[in-house]
Amino acid sequence: MTWETLESTCKNCSKCALANGRRNVVIGRGCKTADVLFVGEGPGENEDKQGIPFVGQAGELLDLALASIGYGEGDYYIANVVKCRPPQNRNPEPDECEACLPYLRAQFALIKPKIIVCLGSIAANNMIAKDIRITKARGTWVDKQGTLFMPTYHPAALLRDPSKKADMWEDLKKVYDKLKEIRA
């Protein structure tokens, strides 16, 4: 599959009810050959308006954290498990995630990242294990068939509970250090 085919397929998708309420399909942003893939749960209102993931307050916080650690825009790509906004920004339902997972897998196949950072429990449950608990698993490496996964808090969780910022900062630093190690 090519990026053009993926984008066209996503934009024409109606596999779940989320397609009925969307303004835009939110596929991703960043470097399409990045070594790190960040995956969130789904687009919010700002993302749905702009068609770009992580452009609201949570995205601004993530961008600030990544830049302050030293990540460059060529280091990462950002996507979501679901490509359409769930109503009232609720968590995506399991069937909605299942409908979109082939698109996320296609993004993974096209990007070929060395590291995937799961931002929050929805991403971790869909990419690492259904029963993963983000509060217990965050900051730990999971190796799945040669790709390293790091679960951490979703930036929106930090907006609700600023005490989690230090933990997420440490997790993102671990990822950055591992990235430098892989490239060396």
Protein backbone atom coordinates (compact mmCIF):
# COMPACT_ATOMS: atom_id res chain seq x y z
CA MET A 1 0.00 0.00 0.00
CA THR A 2 1.17 3.53 -0.75
CA TRP A 3 0.52 6.67 1.29
CA GLU A 4 -1.81 7.89 -1.44
CA THR A 5 -3.84 4.67 -1.34
CA LEU A 6 -3.98 4.72 2.45
CA GLU A 7 -5.14 8.34 2.57
CA SER A 8 -7.77 7.78 -0.11
CA THR A 9 -9.03 4.62 1.62
CA CYS A 10 -9.25 6.39 4.98
CA LYS A 11 -11.07 9.39 3.53
CA ASN A 12 -13.65 7.11 1.92
CA CYS A 13 -14.05 4.79 4.92
CA SER A 14 -17.45 4.12 6.42
CA LYS A 15 -16.64 0.93 8.35
CA CYS A 16 -17.97 2.33 11.64
CA ALA A 17 -20.41 4.95 12.89
CA LEU A 18 -17.65 7.51 13.53
CA ALA A 19 -17.61 8.26 9.79
CA ASN A 20 -21.10 9.77 10.09
CA GLY A 21 -20.04 12.62 12.37
CA ARG A 22 -16.63 13.54 11.08
CA ARG A 23 -15.56 16.75 9.41
CA ASN A 24 -12.17 15.36 8.46
CA VAL A 25 -10.35 12.06 8.56
CA VAL A 26 -7.28 12.57 10.72
CA ILE A 27 -4.51 10.36 9.38
CA GLY A 28 -1.25 11.68 10.84
CA ARG A 29 1.48 14.27 10.86
CA GLY A 30 5.24 14.27 10.89
CA CYS A 31 8.04 12.47 9.11
CA LYS A 32 6.80 9.51 7.08
CA THR A 33 10.15 7.74 7.52
CA ALA A 34 10.54 8.48 11.25
CA ASP A 35 12.15 6.11 13.71
CA VAL A 36 9.51 6.91 16.36
CA LEU A 37 5.75 6.58 15.93
CA PHE A 38 3.54 8.21 18.57
CA VAL A 39 0.01 6.79 18.72
CA GLY A 40 -2.91 8.38 20.56
CA GLU A 41 -6.50 7.25 20.80
CA GLY A 42 -8.43 9.46 18.39
CA PRO A 43 -8.95 12.99 17.15
CA GLY A 44 -10.59 15.65 19.28
CA GLU A 45 -12.59 18.67 18.14
CA ASN A 46 -9.58 20.73 16.97
CA GLU A 47 -8.13 17.76 15.14
CA ASP A 48 -11.45 17.05 13.44
CA LYS A 49 -11.66 20.69 12.30
CA GLN A 50 -8.10 20.79 10.95
CA GLY A 51 -7.62 17.18 9.84
CA ILE A 52 -4.33 16.98 11.77
CA PRO A 53 -3.67 14.97 14.96
CA PHE A 54 -2.59 16.51 18.24
CA VAL A 55 -3.20 20.19 17.44
CA GLY A 56 -5.26 21.03 20.54
CA GLN A 57 -3.97 21.68 24.06
CA ALA A 58 -2.75 18.09 24.50
CA GLY A 59 -0.89 18.30 21.20
CA GLU A 60 0.72 21.60 22.14
CA LEU A 61 1.90 20.03 25.40
CA LEU A 62 3.30 17.02 23.54
CA ASP A 63 5.08 19.22 20.98
CA LEU A 64 6.59 21.34 23.76
CA ALA A 65 7.82 18.27 25.65
CA LEU A 66 9.33 16.69 22.53
CA ALA A 67 11.10 19.89 21.48
CA SER A 68 12.47 20.52 24.96
CA ILE A 69 13.94 17.01 25.14
CA GLY A 70 15.60 17.44 21.75
CA TYR A 71 13.36 15.65 19.28
CA GLY A 72 13.38 17.14 15.82
CA GLU A 73 10.38 17.03 13.50
CA GLY A 74 12.18 14.42 11.40
CA ASP A 75 12.39 12.09 14.39
CA TYR A 76 8.72 11.22 14.71
CA TYR A 77 5.31 10.68 13.18
CA ILE A 78 2.05 11.07 15.14
CA ALA A 79 -1.12 9.08 14.47
CA ASN A 80 -4.16 7.78 16.33
CA VAL A 81 -5.84 4.41 16.70
CA VAL A 82 -9.07 5.78 15.18
CA LYS A 83 -9.03 8.30 12.37
CA CYS A 84 -12.41 9.96 13.04
CA ARG A 85 -13.50 11.91 16.11
CA PRO A 86 -15.66 10.06 18.62
CA PRO A 87 -18.70 12.13 19.68
CA GLN A 88 -18.05 14.48 22.63
CA ASN A 89 -14.42 13.26 22.62
CA ARG A 90 -15.42 10.00 24.31
CA ASN A 91 -13.04 7.04 24.19
CA PRO A 92 -13.33 5.05 20.97
CA GLU A 93 -15.35 1.85 21.32
CA PRO A 94 -13.62 -1.50 20.71
CA ASP A 95 -15.45 -2.03 17.39
CA GLU A 96 -14.38 1.44 16.21
CA CYS A 97 -10.76 0.65 17.08
CA GLU A 98 -11.00 -2.69 15.27
CA ALA A 99 -12.36 -0.97 12.16
CA CYS A 100 -9.41 1.44 12.09
CA LEU A 101 -6.55 -0.84 13.15
CA PRO A 102 -5.80 -1.94 9.55
CA TYR A 103 -5.08 1.71 8.72
CA LEU A 104 -2.74 2.07 11.68
CA ARG A 105 -1.01 -1.18 10.68
CA ALA A 106 -0.60 0.21 7.15
CA GLN A 107 0.95 3.38 8.60
CA PHE A 108 3.33 1.21 10.62
CA ALA A 109 4.27 -0.77 7.49
CA LEU A 110 4.92 2.41 5.51
CA ILE A 111 6.87 4.23 8.23
CA LYS A 112 8.80 1.22 9.59
CA PRO A 113 9.50 2.85 12.98
CA LYS A 114 11.97 1.35 15.42
CA ILE A 115 9.96 2.60 18.42
CA ILE A 116 6.24 3.08 19.03
CA VAL A 117 5.09 5.26 21.91
CA CYS A 118 1.55 4.43 23.01
CA LEU A 119 -0.01 7.61 24.38
CA GLY A 120 -2.58 6.39 26.89
CA SER A 121 -4.43 3.21 27.61
CA ILE A 122 -6.50 3.04 24.41
CA ALA A 123 -3.34 2.99 22.28
CA ALA A 124 -1.55 0.59 24.64
CA ASN A 125 -4.55 -1.77 24.78
CA ASN A 126 -4.79 -1.89 21.00
CA MET A 127 -1.08 -2.10 20.25
CA ILE A 128 0.55 -3.97 23.13
CA ALA A 129 -2.02 -6.00 25.10
CA LYS A 130 -5.75 -5.72 25.80
CA ASP A 131 -5.24 -5.92 29.57
CA ILE A 132 -2.36 -3.45 29.93
CA ARG A 133 -2.74 -0.88 32.73
CA ILE A 134 -1.07 2.39 31.79
CA THR A 135 -0.32 3.37 35.40
CA LYS A 136 1.61 0.12 35.94
CA ALA A 137 3.15 -0.33 32.48
CA ARG A 138 4.16 3.23 31.65
CA GLY A 139 7.86 3.73 31.23
CA THR A 140 8.63 0.07 30.51
CA TRP A 141 9.85 -1.33 27.22
CA VAL A 142 7.89 -4.03 25.41
CA ASP A 143 9.56 -5.77 22.47
CA LYS A 144 7.15 -7.10 19.88
CA GLN A 145 8.82 -8.81 16.95
CA GLY A 146 11.78 -6.42 17.00
CA THR A 147 9.82 -3.21 17.46
CA LEU A 148 10.11 -1.51 20.83
CA PHE A 149 6.93 -0.18 22.43
CA MET A 150 6.78 2.32 25.29
CA PRO A 151 3.44 2.99 26.96
CA THR A 152 3.06 6.35 28.65
CA TYR A 153 0.37 8.79 29.65
CA HIS A 154 -1.69 10.59 27.05
CA PRO A 155 -0.87 14.32 27.15
CA ALA A 156 -4.54 15.06 27.92
CA ALA A 157 -4.09 13.15 31.20
CA LEU A 158 -1.36 15.63 32.13
CA LEU A 159 -3.75 18.51 31.57
CA ARG A 160 -6.16 16.92 34.05
CA ASP A 161 -3.44 15.81 36.49
CA PRO A 162 -0.20 17.83 36.24
CA SER A 163 1.50 15.51 38.77
CA LYS A 164 1.92 13.01 35.90
CA LYS A 165 4.12 15.39 33.88
CA ALA A 166 7.39 14.24 35.48
CA ASP A 167 6.61 10.58 34.71
CA MET A 168 5.78 11.29 31.07
CA TRP A 169 8.87 13.48 30.75
CA GLU A 170 11.03 10.58 32.00
CA ASP A 171 9.32 8.19 29.58
CA LEU A 172 9.90 10.49 26.61
CA LYS A 173 13.55 10.92 27.65
CA LYS A 174 13.96 7.11 27.77
CA VAL A 175 12.58 6.92 24.24
CA TYR A 176 14.89 9.70 23.06
CA ASP A 177 17.92 8.02 24.66
CA LYS A 178 16.96 4.68 23.06
CA LEU A 179 16.57 6.45 19.71
CA LYS A 180 20.09 7.86 19.98
CA GLU A 181 21.37 4.40 20.98
CA ILE A 182 19.67 2.74 17.98
CA ARG A 183 21.09 5.32 15.59
CA ALA A 184 24.64 5.06 16.98
